[in-house]
Amino acid sequence: MNLKLSYYALVTEVVPDTTFIIYSTRSGRTLAINKKYFDCLTKGEFDKLPENLLTRLLGMEALAPYE
């Protein structure tokens, strides 16, 4: 399945160049991730994310199918 960062996912940097918070407006859930994984998200390199992180992002609807 091809994925993309959801239009409904808001991202804010809480610690410069270290920690990012993703808030899904669809589910109301948040998740803190480090810069390494944030860079993978912004580049669309979802295959480089750990399986448990990918599962959490899908579960909170921060990722959406890419058509």
N, C-alpha and C. Protein backbone atom coordinates (compact mmCIF):
# COMPACT_ATOMS: atom_id res chain seq x y z
N MET A 1 0.84 -1.17 0.00
CA MET A 1 0.00 0.00 0.00
C MET A 1 0.89 1.24 0.00
N ASN A 2 0.59 2.16 -0.88
CA ASN A 2 1.31 3.43 -0.91
C ASN A 2 0.70 4.37 0.12
N LEU A 3 1.56 5.07 0.86
CA LEU A 3 1.10 5.94 1.94
C LEU A 3 1.60 7.36 1.76
N LYS A 4 0.94 8.26 2.47
CA LYS A 4 1.39 9.65 2.55
C LYS A 4 0.99 10.19 3.92
N LEU A 5 1.64 11.26 4.33
CA LEU A 5 1.25 11.93 5.56
C LEU A 5 -0.12 12.54 5.34
N SER A 6 -1.04 12.27 6.23
CA SER A 6 -2.42 12.73 6.08
C SER A 6 -2.51 14.25 6.09
N TYR A 7 -3.45 14.75 5.32
CA TYR A 7 -3.76 16.17 5.31
C TYR A 7 -4.22 16.62 6.70
N TYR A 8 -4.77 15.70 7.47
CA TYR A 8 -5.32 15.98 8.79
C TYR A 8 -4.30 15.81 9.92
N ALA A 9 -3.03 15.60 9.57
CA ALA A 9 -1.98 15.46 10.57
C ALA A 9 -1.24 16.79 10.70
N LEU A 10 -1.18 17.30 11.91
CA LEU A 10 -0.45 18.53 12.19
C LEU A 10 0.84 18.17 12.92
N VAL A 11 1.93 18.83 12.55
CA VAL A 11 3.22 18.53 13.15
C VAL A 11 3.81 19.80 13.73
N THR A 12 4.34 19.69 14.93
CA THR A 12 5.02 20.81 15.55
C THR A 12 6.34 20.33 16.15
N GLU A 13 7.32 21.19 16.11
CA GLU A 13 8.63 20.87 16.64
C GLU A 13 8.67 21.37 18.09
N VAL A 14 8.85 20.46 19.04
CA VAL A 14 8.84 20.86 20.44
C VAL A 14 10.23 21.07 21.01
N VAL A 15 11.20 20.34 20.52
CA VAL A 15 12.60 20.54 20.87
C VAL A 15 13.34 20.68 19.54
N PRO A 16 13.90 21.85 19.26
CA PRO A 16 14.52 22.09 17.95
C PRO A 16 15.48 20.98 17.52
N ASP A 17 15.25 20.48 16.30
CA ASP A 17 16.06 19.44 15.67
C ASP A 17 16.16 18.15 16.49
N THR A 18 15.17 17.89 17.35
CA THR A 18 15.22 16.68 18.17
C THR A 18 13.89 15.94 18.21
N THR A 19 12.83 16.63 18.67
CA THR A 19 11.55 15.98 18.92
C THR A 19 10.40 16.72 18.24
N PHE A 20 9.53 15.94 17.62
CA PHE A 20 8.36 16.47 16.92
C PHE A 20 7.10 15.81 17.48
N ILE A 21 6.01 16.56 17.53
CA ILE A 21 4.72 16.03 17.94
C ILE A 21 3.81 16.00 16.72
N ILE A 22 3.20 14.85 16.49
CA ILE A 22 2.22 14.70 15.42
C ILE A 22 0.85 14.62 16.08
N TYR A 23 -0.06 15.48 15.63
CA TYR A 23 -1.44 15.48 16.13
C TYR A 23 -2.36 15.16 14.96
N SER A 24 -3.15 14.14 15.11
CA SER A 24 -4.12 13.77 14.09
C SER A 24 -5.47 14.39 14.44
N THR A 25 -5.92 15.30 13.59
CA THR A 25 -7.22 15.94 13.84
C THR A 25 -8.37 14.98 13.58
N ARG A 26 -8.12 13.91 12.87
CA ARG A 26 -9.18 12.91 12.61
C ARG A 26 -9.45 12.07 13.84
N SER A 27 -8.39 11.68 14.55
CA SER A 27 -8.57 10.80 15.71
C SER A 27 -8.40 11.53 17.05
N GLY A 28 -7.80 12.71 17.04
CA GLY A 28 -7.55 13.44 18.27
C GLY A 28 -6.38 12.90 19.07
N ARG A 29 -5.56 12.07 18.45
CA ARG A 29 -4.43 11.45 19.15
C ARG A 29 -3.12 12.14 18.78
N THR A 30 -2.17 12.07 19.69
CA THR A 30 -0.85 12.65 19.46
C THR A 30 0.23 11.60 19.63
N LEU A 31 1.38 11.90 19.04
CA LEU A 31 2.53 11.01 19.13
C LEU A 31 3.79 11.84 19.01
N ALA A 32 4.75 11.59 19.89
CA ALA A 32 6.05 12.25 19.81
C ALA A 32 7.01 11.34 19.05
N ILE A 33 7.74 11.92 18.09
CA ILE A 33 8.74 11.15 17.34
C ILE A 33 10.04 11.95 17.28
N ASN A 34 11.12 11.24 17.04
CA ASN A 34 12.42 11.94 16.93
C ASN A 34 12.65 12.41 15.49
N LYS A 35 13.66 13.22 15.32
CA LYS A 35 13.95 13.84 14.03
C LYS A 35 14.22 12.81 12.94
N LYS A 36 14.90 11.74 13.28
CA LYS A 36 15.22 10.69 12.29
C LYS A 36 13.93 10.16 11.64
N TYR A 37 12.93 9.86 12.47
CA TYR A 37 11.68 9.32 11.94
C TYR A 37 10.84 10.41 11.27
N PHE A 38 10.92 11.62 11.78
CA PHE A 38 10.22 12.74 11.15
C PHE A 38 10.75 12.96 9.74
N ASP A 39 12.07 12.88 9.57
CA ASP A 39 12.66 13.04 8.24
C ASP A 39 12.17 11.95 7.29
N CYS A 40 12.03 10.73 7.79
CA CYS A 40 11.49 9.64 6.96
C CYS A 40 10.06 9.94 6.53
N LEU A 41 9.26 10.49 7.44
CA LEU A 41 7.88 10.85 7.11
C LEU A 41 7.82 11.91 6.03
N THR A 42 8.62 12.95 6.17
CA THR A 42 8.56 14.05 5.21
C THR A 42 9.10 13.66 3.85
N LYS A 43 9.98 12.68 3.81
CA LYS A 43 10.54 12.20 2.53
C LYS A 43 9.71 11.08 1.93
N GLY A 44 8.71 10.61 2.66
CA GLY A 44 7.89 9.51 2.16
C GLY A 44 8.58 8.16 2.23
N GLU A 45 9.57 8.04 3.09
CA GLU A 45 10.34 6.79 3.24
C GLU A 45 9.74 5.94 4.37
N PHE A 46 8.52 5.53 4.19
CA PHE A 46 7.80 4.81 5.22
C PHE A 46 8.36 3.43 5.48
N ASP A 47 9.05 2.86 4.49
CA ASP A 47 9.67 1.55 4.66
C ASP A 47 10.84 1.59 5.64
N LYS A 48 11.35 2.77 5.96
CA LYS A 48 12.46 2.90 6.92
C LYS A 48 11.97 3.07 8.36
N LEU A 49 10.66 3.19 8.55
CA LEU A 49 10.10 3.33 9.89
C LEU A 49 9.97 1.97 10.56
N PRO A 50 10.19 1.90 11.87
CA PRO A 50 9.95 0.63 12.57
C PRO A 50 8.48 0.23 12.45
N GLU A 51 8.24 -1.06 12.43
CA GLU A 51 6.88 -1.58 12.25
C GLU A 51 5.92 -1.07 13.31
N ASN A 52 6.37 -1.00 14.57
CA ASN A 52 5.48 -0.53 15.63
C ASN A 52 5.11 0.94 15.47
N LEU A 53 6.03 1.77 14.99
CA LEU A 53 5.74 3.18 14.74
C LEU A 53 4.78 3.33 13.57
N LEU A 54 5.00 2.58 12.53
CA LEU A 54 4.12 2.61 11.36
C LEU A 54 2.69 2.21 11.76
N THR A 55 2.58 1.18 12.58
CA THR A 55 1.28 0.73 13.06
C THR A 55 0.58 1.81 13.87
N ARG A 56 1.32 2.49 14.74
CA ARG A 56 0.74 3.56 15.56
C ARG A 56 0.29 4.73 14.68
N LEU A 57 1.09 5.11 13.70
CA LEU A 57 0.73 6.21 12.81
C LEU A 57 -0.52 5.88 11.99
N LEU A 58 -0.62 4.65 11.54
CA LEU A 58 -1.82 4.23 10.81
C LEU A 58 -3.03 4.20 11.73
N GLY A 59 -2.84 3.71 12.95
CA GLY A 59 -3.94 3.61 13.91
C GLY A 59 -4.49 4.96 14.33
N MET A 60 -3.62 5.96 14.38
CA MET A 60 -4.09 7.30 14.77
C MET A 60 -4.50 8.13 13.55
N GLU A 61 -4.47 7.51 12.37
CA GLU A 61 -4.87 8.12 11.11
C GLU A 61 -4.00 9.31 10.72
N ALA A 62 -2.71 9.25 11.08
CA ALA A 62 -1.76 10.28 10.66
C ALA A 62 -1.22 9.96 9.27
N LEU A 63 -1.37 8.73 8.83
CA LEU A 63 -1.00 8.32 7.48
C LEU A 63 -2.26 7.95 6.71
N ALA A 64 -2.24 8.22 5.43
CA ALA A 64 -3.38 7.93 4.58
C ALA A 64 -2.92 7.24 3.31
N PRO A 65 -3.79 6.48 2.66
CA PRO A 65 -3.42 5.87 1.38
C PRO A 65 -3.11 6.94 0.34
N TYR A 66 -2.10 6.67 -0.46
CA TYR A 66 -1.72 7.57 -1.55
C TYR A 66 -2.31 7.02 -2.82
N GLU A 67 -3.10 7.82 -3.51
CA GLU A 67 -3.76 7.35 -4.73
C GLU A 67 -3.15 7.95 -5.94
